Amino acid sequence: MKSKADAQTWAQQITEHMARTAGIEPDPATVDAFFSPCTGKNGETASDDRYILMYSVDSHVPRDRHPEAVRKIRDMLTGEGLTVEGYREAVDGKPDALVDAFHPSSRYTATASTAGTGDLMYLRVITPCLLPPSDGPAPSNP
């Protein structure tokens, strides 16, 4: 169980850790925290307010530093137990970097990537389906 506020704080801490590791500065004005209801295999949603958080922030980084930044983030993420599911440093010989990793026990993903054609890097965390704490009192045992 995790409240939406706690989930957002946690995701912010992860992206800040990624940024520090790469020696880059996240731009707080670009934070996007999007909460979405969890959807089952058949399109069903639960009535207990389960949610997924997609949290992202941008950082202005000279494009030629993008490969180095994702390399450092990749090494940090793998050192912390995440499995890299996607990685690249360039496309057609030009810096266009990406690392996409998954934490097998916590089931969250962390991504750092070149964003667009300029100097932006995108840092993102996507949580698994989380259940917020209930608002009511805990049931008592008779």
N, C-alpha and C. Protein backbone atom coordinates (compact mmCIF):
# COMPACT_ATOMS: atom_id res chain seq x y z
N MET A 1 0.84 -1.18 0.00
CA MET A 1 0.00 0.00 0.00
C MET A 1 0.88 1.24 0.00
N LYS A 2 0.47 2.22 -0.81
CA LYS A 2 1.22 3.47 -0.88
C LYS A 2 0.27 4.57 -1.33
N SER A 3 0.26 5.66 -0.59
CA SER A 3 -0.58 6.79 -0.99
C SER A 3 -0.01 7.40 -2.27
N LYS A 4 -0.85 8.14 -2.97
CA LYS A 4 -0.38 8.80 -4.19
C LYS A 4 0.74 9.79 -3.88
N ALA A 5 0.63 10.51 -2.78
CA ALA A 5 1.68 11.46 -2.40
C ALA A 5 3.00 10.73 -2.12
N ASP A 6 2.92 9.61 -1.41
CA ASP A 6 4.13 8.83 -1.13
C ASP A 6 4.74 8.26 -2.40
N ALA A 7 3.89 7.79 -3.32
CA ALA A 7 4.38 7.25 -4.59
C ALA A 7 5.08 8.33 -5.40
N GLN A 8 4.50 9.54 -5.42
CA GLN A 8 5.11 10.63 -6.17
C GLN A 8 6.45 11.04 -5.55
N THR A 9 6.52 11.10 -4.23
CA THR A 9 7.78 11.44 -3.55
C THR A 9 8.83 10.39 -3.86
N TRP A 10 8.45 9.12 -3.82
CA TRP A 10 9.38 8.03 -4.12
C TRP A 10 9.89 8.12 -5.56
N ALA A 11 8.98 8.34 -6.52
CA ALA A 11 9.38 8.44 -7.92
C ALA A 11 10.30 9.64 -8.14
N GLN A 12 10.02 10.74 -7.47
CA GLN A 12 10.88 11.92 -7.56
C GLN A 12 12.28 11.58 -7.04
N GLN A 13 12.35 10.86 -5.93
CA GLN A 13 13.65 10.48 -5.37
C GLN A 13 14.43 9.61 -6.34
N ILE A 14 13.76 8.69 -7.02
CA ILE A 14 14.43 7.82 -7.99
C ILE A 14 14.98 8.65 -9.15
N THR A 15 14.16 9.56 -9.71
CA THR A 15 14.65 10.36 -10.85
C THR A 15 15.77 11.29 -10.40
N GLU A 16 15.69 11.82 -9.19
CA GLU A 16 16.78 12.68 -8.70
C GLU A 16 18.06 11.87 -8.52
N HIS A 17 17.94 10.62 -8.07
CA HIS A 17 19.10 9.73 -7.93
C HIS A 17 19.71 9.45 -9.30
N MET A 18 18.86 9.22 -10.30
CA MET A 18 19.34 9.01 -11.66
C MET A 18 20.10 10.24 -12.14
N ALA A 19 19.53 11.42 -11.91
CA ALA A 19 20.16 12.66 -12.36
C ALA A 19 21.51 12.88 -11.67
N ARG A 20 21.55 12.70 -10.35
CA ARG A 20 22.82 12.87 -9.62
C ARG A 20 23.88 11.92 -10.15
N THR A 21 23.48 10.68 -10.40
CA THR A 21 24.41 9.67 -10.90
C THR A 21 25.03 10.11 -12.22
N ALA A 22 24.22 10.72 -13.07
CA ALA A 22 24.68 11.15 -14.39
C ALA A 22 25.32 12.53 -14.37
N GLY A 23 25.24 13.23 -13.24
CA GLY A 23 25.80 14.58 -13.16
C GLY A 23 24.97 15.60 -13.91
N ILE A 24 23.65 15.39 -13.94
CA ILE A 24 22.76 16.31 -14.64
C ILE A 24 21.74 16.88 -13.65
N GLU A 25 21.08 17.97 -14.03
CA GLU A 25 20.11 18.64 -13.17
C GLU A 25 18.70 18.50 -13.73
N PRO A 26 17.79 17.89 -12.98
CA PRO A 26 16.40 17.85 -13.44
C PRO A 26 15.78 19.24 -13.35
N ASP A 27 14.89 19.54 -14.28
CA ASP A 27 14.19 20.83 -14.30
C ASP A 27 12.84 20.67 -13.62
N PRO A 28 12.68 21.16 -12.37
CA PRO A 28 11.43 20.96 -11.63
C PRO A 28 10.20 21.49 -12.36
N ALA A 29 10.37 22.46 -13.23
CA ALA A 29 9.23 23.02 -13.97
C ALA A 29 8.65 22.02 -14.97
N THR A 30 9.39 20.95 -15.26
CA THR A 30 8.94 19.98 -16.26
C THR A 30 8.35 18.71 -15.65
N VAL A 31 8.23 18.66 -14.34
CA VAL A 31 7.71 17.45 -13.69
C VAL A 31 6.30 17.16 -14.19
N ASP A 32 6.07 15.90 -14.52
CA ASP A 32 4.74 15.44 -14.90
C ASP A 32 4.45 14.18 -14.09
N ALA A 33 3.45 14.24 -13.24
CA ALA A 33 3.04 13.08 -12.45
C ALA A 33 1.62 12.72 -12.89
N PHE A 34 1.51 11.61 -13.59
CA PHE A 34 0.23 11.18 -14.13
C PHE A 34 -0.21 9.89 -13.44
N PHE A 35 -1.36 9.95 -12.78
CA PHE A 35 -1.93 8.78 -12.11
C PHE A 35 -3.02 8.21 -12.99
N SER A 36 -2.97 6.90 -13.19
CA SER A 36 -3.94 6.22 -14.04
C SER A 36 -4.50 5.01 -13.30
N PRO A 37 -5.80 4.74 -13.45
CA PRO A 37 -6.34 3.54 -12.81
C PRO A 37 -5.67 2.29 -13.38
N CYS A 38 -5.52 1.27 -12.56
CA CYS A 38 -4.98 0.00 -13.04
C CYS A 38 -6.04 -0.67 -13.91
N THR A 39 -5.60 -1.26 -14.98
CA THR A 39 -6.50 -1.94 -15.90
C THR A 39 -6.07 -3.40 -16.02
N GLY A 40 -7.02 -4.32 -15.89
CA GLY A 40 -6.73 -5.74 -16.00
C GLY A 40 -6.59 -6.19 -17.44
N LYS A 41 -6.28 -7.47 -17.62
CA LYS A 41 -6.07 -8.04 -18.95
C LYS A 41 -7.26 -7.85 -19.87
N ASN A 42 -8.45 -7.87 -19.29
CA ASN A 42 -9.67 -7.77 -20.09
C ASN A 42 -10.29 -6.38 -20.04
N GLY A 43 -9.49 -5.38 -19.66
CA GLY A 43 -9.96 -4.00 -19.63
C GLY A 43 -10.72 -3.62 -18.37
N GLU A 44 -10.78 -4.52 -17.39
CA GLU A 44 -11.52 -4.24 -16.17
C GLU A 44 -10.69 -3.36 -15.23
N THR A 45 -11.38 -2.58 -14.41
CA THR A 45 -10.72 -1.78 -13.38
C THR A 45 -11.34 -2.11 -12.04
N ALA A 46 -10.52 -2.09 -11.00
CA ALA A 46 -11.00 -2.38 -9.65
C ALA A 46 -11.65 -1.13 -9.07
N SER A 47 -12.51 -1.33 -8.10
CA SER A 47 -13.21 -0.20 -7.49
C SER A 47 -12.51 0.29 -6.22
N ASP A 48 -11.28 -0.15 -5.99
CA ASP A 48 -10.58 0.22 -4.75
C ASP A 48 -9.50 1.28 -4.97
N ASP A 49 -9.59 2.03 -6.06
CA ASP A 49 -8.68 3.15 -6.35
C ASP A 49 -7.24 2.74 -6.61
N ARG A 50 -6.99 1.50 -7.03
CA ARG A 50 -5.64 1.10 -7.42
C ARG A 50 -5.18 2.00 -8.56
N TYR A 51 -3.89 2.27 -8.60
CA TYR A 51 -3.38 3.21 -9.61
C TYR A 51 -1.96 2.85 -10.04
N ILE A 52 -1.58 3.40 -11.16
CA ILE A 52 -0.21 3.38 -11.66
C ILE A 52 0.23 4.83 -11.75
N LEU A 53 1.46 5.11 -11.36
CA LEU A 53 2.02 6.46 -11.49
C LEU A 53 3.06 6.45 -12.59
N MET A 54 2.92 7.38 -13.52
CA MET A 54 3.94 7.65 -14.53
C MET A 54 4.51 9.02 -14.20
N TYR A 55 5.74 9.04 -13.71
CA TYR A 55 6.39 10.27 -13.24
C TYR A 55 7.57 10.57 -14.14
N SER A 56 7.65 11.80 -14.64
CA SER A 56 8.77 12.16 -15.50
C SER A 56 9.24 13.58 -15.23
N VAL A 57 10.48 13.81 -15.58
CA VAL A 57 11.09 15.13 -15.47
C VAL A 57 12.15 15.23 -16.57
N ASP A 58 12.33 16.43 -17.10
CA ASP A 58 13.34 16.67 -18.14
C ASP A 58 14.58 17.30 -17.54
N SER A 59 15.67 17.17 -18.28
CA SER A 59 16.93 17.79 -17.91
C SER A 59 17.59 18.29 -19.19
N HIS A 60 18.14 19.50 -19.14
CA HIS A 60 18.87 20.05 -20.29
C HIS A 60 20.31 19.58 -20.19
N VAL A 61 20.73 18.80 -21.18
CA VAL A 61 22.06 18.21 -21.20
C VAL A 61 22.58 18.33 -22.63
N PRO A 62 23.80 18.85 -22.83
CA PRO A 62 24.32 18.88 -24.19
C PRO A 62 24.21 17.49 -24.83
N ARG A 63 23.72 17.47 -26.04
CA ARG A 63 23.41 16.19 -26.70
C ARG A 63 24.60 15.24 -26.75
N ASP A 64 25.79 15.76 -26.92
CA ASP A 64 26.95 14.87 -26.99
C ASP A 64 27.27 14.21 -25.65
N ARG A 65 26.63 14.65 -24.56
CA ARG A 65 26.80 14.02 -23.24
C ARG A 65 25.73 12.97 -22.94
N HIS A 66 24.73 12.85 -23.80
CA HIS A 66 23.65 11.89 -23.55
C HIS A 66 24.15 10.45 -23.41
N PRO A 67 25.03 9.97 -24.32
CA PRO A 67 25.51 8.59 -24.16
C PRO A 67 26.21 8.35 -22.82
N GLU A 68 27.04 9.28 -22.41
CA GLU A 68 27.74 9.14 -21.13
C GLU A 68 26.74 9.12 -19.97
N ALA A 69 25.73 9.99 -20.04
CA ALA A 69 24.73 10.06 -18.97
C ALA A 69 23.96 8.74 -18.84
N VAL A 70 23.50 8.18 -19.97
CA VAL A 70 22.74 6.93 -19.87
C VAL A 70 23.64 5.77 -19.47
N ARG A 71 24.90 5.81 -19.85
CA ARG A 71 25.85 4.77 -19.43
C ARG A 71 25.97 4.76 -17.90
N LYS A 72 26.13 5.94 -17.31
CA LYS A 72 26.24 6.04 -15.85
C LYS A 72 24.95 5.59 -15.16
N ILE A 73 23.82 6.00 -15.72
CA ILE A 73 22.53 5.61 -15.14
C ILE A 73 22.33 4.10 -15.27
N ARG A 74 22.67 3.54 -16.42
CA ARG A 74 22.57 2.08 -16.62
C ARG A 74 23.39 1.34 -15.56
N ASP A 75 24.63 1.76 -15.37
CA ASP A 75 25.51 1.09 -14.41
C ASP A 75 24.94 1.18 -12.99
N MET A 76 24.39 2.34 -12.63
CA MET A 76 23.80 2.51 -11.31
C MET A 76 22.57 1.62 -11.16
N LEU A 77 21.69 1.61 -12.17
CA LEU A 77 20.46 0.82 -12.08
C LEU A 77 20.77 -0.68 -11.98
N THR A 78 21.70 -1.17 -12.79
CA THR A 78 22.04 -2.59 -12.71
C THR A 78 22.69 -2.91 -11.36
N GLY A 79 23.48 -1.99 -10.84
CA GLY A 79 24.09 -2.18 -9.53
C GLY A 79 23.06 -2.23 -8.41
N GLU A 80 21.88 -1.66 -8.65
CA GLU A 80 20.82 -1.66 -7.65
C GLU A 80 19.77 -2.74 -7.92
N GLY A 81 20.11 -3.68 -8.80
CA GLY A 81 19.26 -4.84 -9.00
C GLY A 81 18.26 -4.76 -10.13
N LEU A 82 18.27 -3.69 -10.92
CA LEU A 82 17.35 -3.61 -12.04
C LEU A 82 17.92 -4.36 -13.24
N THR A 83 17.03 -4.83 -14.10
CA THR A 83 17.41 -5.54 -15.31
C THR A 83 17.22 -4.59 -16.49
N VAL A 84 18.28 -4.39 -17.26
CA VAL A 84 18.19 -3.51 -18.43
C VAL A 84 17.42 -4.24 -19.52
N GLU A 85 16.36 -3.59 -20.01
CA GLU A 85 15.53 -4.17 -21.06
C GLU A 85 15.73 -3.47 -22.39
N GLY A 86 16.34 -2.30 -22.38
CA GLY A 86 16.63 -1.57 -23.61
C GLY A 86 17.81 -0.65 -23.37
N TYR A 87 18.70 -0.58 -24.37
CA TYR A 87 19.86 0.30 -24.22
C TYR A 87 20.39 0.67 -25.60
N ARG A 88 20.71 1.95 -25.75
CA ARG A 88 21.40 2.41 -26.96
C ARG A 88 22.08 3.73 -26.63
N GLU A 89 23.11 4.05 -27.39
CA GLU A 89 23.80 5.33 -27.22
C GLU A 89 23.64 6.23 -28.43
N ALA A 90 23.33 5.63 -29.60
CA ALA A 90 23.24 6.43 -30.82
C ALA A 90 22.28 5.77 -31.80
N VAL A 91 21.76 6.60 -32.72
CA VAL A 91 20.97 6.13 -33.84
C VAL A 91 21.57 6.78 -35.07
N ASP A 92 21.91 5.98 -36.06
CA ASP A 92 22.54 6.48 -37.29
C ASP A 92 23.77 7.31 -36.99
N GLY A 93 24.55 6.89 -35.98
CA GLY A 93 25.80 7.56 -35.65
C GLY A 93 25.66 8.87 -34.89
N LYS A 94 24.44 9.25 -34.52
CA LYS A 94 24.21 10.49 -33.78
C LYS A 94 23.73 10.17 -32.37
N PRO A 95 24.14 10.97 -31.37
CA PRO A 95 23.70 10.70 -30.00
C PRO A 95 22.17 10.68 -29.90
N ASP A 96 21.65 9.57 -29.48
CA ASP A 96 20.22 9.37 -29.25
C ASP A 96 20.13 8.24 -28.24
N ALA A 97 20.29 8.59 -26.97
CA ALA A 97 20.55 7.61 -25.93
C ALA A 97 19.29 7.14 -25.22
N LEU A 98 19.35 5.91 -24.71
CA LEU A 98 18.23 5.32 -23.99
C LEU A 98 18.73 4.23 -23.06
N VAL A 99 18.23 4.22 -21.86
CA VAL A 99 18.33 3.05 -20.99
C VAL A 99 16.94 2.86 -20.38
N ASP A 100 16.46 1.63 -20.45
CA ASP A 100 15.15 1.28 -19.91
C ASP A 100 15.37 0.04 -19.05
N ALA A 101 15.02 0.14 -17.76
CA ALA A 101 15.31 -0.95 -16.83
C ALA A 101 14.10 -1.27 -15.97
N PHE A 102 14.06 -2.51 -15.50
CA PHE A 102 12.93 -3.03 -14.72
C PHE A 102 13.45 -3.64 -13.43
N HIS A 103 12.78 -3.33 -12.32
CA HIS A 103 13.15 -3.92 -11.03
C HIS A 103 12.28 -5.17 -10.81
N PRO A 104 12.90 -6.36 -10.78
CA PRO A 104 12.11 -7.59 -10.74
C PRO A 104 11.25 -7.79 -9.49
N SER A 105 11.69 -7.33 -8.33
CA SER A 105 10.86 -7.55 -7.14
C SER A 105 9.90 -6.40 -6.88
N SER A 106 10.34 -5.16 -7.08
CA SER A 106 9.44 -4.01 -6.87
C SER A 106 8.57 -3.73 -8.08
N ARG A 107 8.95 -4.27 -9.23
CA ARG A 107 8.18 -4.20 -10.48
C ARG A 107 7.98 -2.79 -11.01
N TYR A 108 8.94 -1.91 -10.80
CA TYR A 108 8.85 -0.58 -11.41
C TYR A 108 9.85 -0.50 -12.56
N THR A 109 9.60 0.45 -13.47
CA THR A 109 10.55 0.68 -14.55
C THR A 109 11.16 2.06 -14.38
N ALA A 110 12.41 2.17 -14.80
CA ALA A 110 13.13 3.44 -14.79
C ALA A 110 13.72 3.63 -16.18
N THR A 111 13.56 4.83 -16.71
CA THR A 111 14.01 5.13 -18.07
C THR A 111 14.73 6.47 -18.08
N ALA A 112 15.81 6.52 -18.85
CA ALA A 112 16.48 7.79 -19.17
C ALA A 112 16.68 7.77 -20.67
N SER A 113 16.30 8.87 -21.34
CA SER A 113 16.43 8.86 -22.79
C SER A 113 16.55 10.26 -23.35
N THR A 114 17.13 10.32 -24.54
CA THR A 114 17.12 11.54 -25.32
C THR A 114 15.67 11.85 -25.66
N ALA A 115 15.30 13.12 -25.57
CA ALA A 115 13.93 13.53 -25.87
C ALA A 115 13.94 14.52 -27.03
N GLY A 116 13.43 14.10 -28.16
CA GLY A 116 13.36 15.00 -29.31
C GLY A 116 14.70 15.22 -29.98
N THR A 117 14.83 16.38 -30.61
CA THR A 117 16.03 16.66 -31.41
C THR A 117 17.00 17.62 -30.74
N GLY A 118 16.64 18.17 -29.59
CA GLY A 118 17.50 19.16 -28.93
C GLY A 118 18.36 18.54 -27.85
N ASP A 119 18.51 19.30 -26.76
CA ASP A 119 19.41 18.88 -25.68
C ASP A 119 18.67 18.25 -24.50
N LEU A 120 17.40 17.91 -24.65
CA LEU A 120 16.63 17.38 -23.53
C LEU A 120 16.89 15.90 -23.29
N MET A 121 17.01 15.56 -22.02
CA MET A 121 16.97 14.17 -21.58
C MET A 121 15.72 14.03 -20.72
N TYR A 122 15.12 12.88 -20.82
CA TYR A 122 13.86 12.56 -20.16
C TYR A 122 14.15 11.47 -19.14
N LEU A 123 13.77 11.71 -17.89
CA LEU A 123 13.91 10.71 -16.83
C LEU A 123 12.50 10.31 -16.40
N ARG A 124 12.25 9.00 -16.33
CA ARG A 124 10.89 8.55 -16.03
C ARG A 124 10.90 7.33 -15.12
N VAL A 125 9.91 7.26 -14.25
CA VAL A 125 9.64 6.09 -13.42
C VAL A 125 8.17 5.73 -13.60
N ILE A 126 7.90 4.45 -13.81
CA ILE A 126 6.53 3.96 -13.86
C ILE A 126 6.38 2.91 -12.76
N THR A 127 5.42 3.12 -11.89
CA THR A 127 5.20 2.18 -10.79
C THR A 127 4.36 1.00 -11.26
N PRO A 128 4.40 -0.09 -10.51
CA PRO A 128 3.41 -1.13 -10.75
C PRO A 128 2.06 -0.64 -10.22
N CYS A 129 1.06 -1.46 -10.34
CA CYS A 129 -0.24 -1.13 -9.78
C CYS A 129 -0.12 -1.05 -8.26
N LEU A 130 -0.50 0.08 -7.70
CA LEU A 130 -0.40 0.31 -6.25
C LEU A 130 -1.78 0.52 -5.66
N LEU A 131 -1.92 0.09 -4.43
CA LEU A 131 -3.18 0.24 -3.70
C LEU A 131 -3.00 1.30 -2.63
N PRO A 132 -3.81 2.37 -2.68
CA PRO A 132 -3.69 3.38 -1.62
C PRO A 132 -4.23 2.84 -0.30
N PRO A 133 -3.77 3.40 0.82
CA PRO A 133 -4.32 2.99 2.11
C PRO A 133 -5.81 3.33 2.16
N SER A 134 -6.56 2.56 2.91
CA SER A 134 -7.99 2.85 3.02
C SER A 134 -8.19 4.08 3.89
N ASP A 135 -9.28 4.79 3.62
CA ASP A 135 -9.59 6.01 4.37
C ASP A 135 -10.26 5.70 5.70
N GLY A 136 -10.89 4.55 5.78
CA GLY A 136 -11.65 4.22 6.98
C GLY A 136 -10.80 3.55 8.04
N PRO A 137 -11.40 3.32 9.20
CA PRO A 137 -10.67 2.64 10.27
C PRO A 137 -10.43 1.18 9.91
N ALA A 138 -9.37 0.63 10.44
CA ALA A 138 -9.06 -0.78 10.21
C ALA A 138 -10.14 -1.63 10.86
N PRO A 139 -10.52 -2.73 10.20
CA PRO A 139 -11.54 -3.59 10.80
C PRO A 139 -10.99 -4.22 12.08
N SER A 140 -11.88 -4.40 13.04
CA SER A 140 -11.45 -5.03 14.29
C SER A 140 -11.80 -6.50 14.26
N ASN A 141 -11.02 -7.28 14.96
CA ASN A 141 -11.29 -8.72 15.05
C ASN A 141 -12.22 -8.97 16.23
N PRO A 142 -13.30 -9.74 16.00
CA PRO A 142 -14.23 -10.02 17.11
C PRO A 142 -13.64 -10.96 18.12
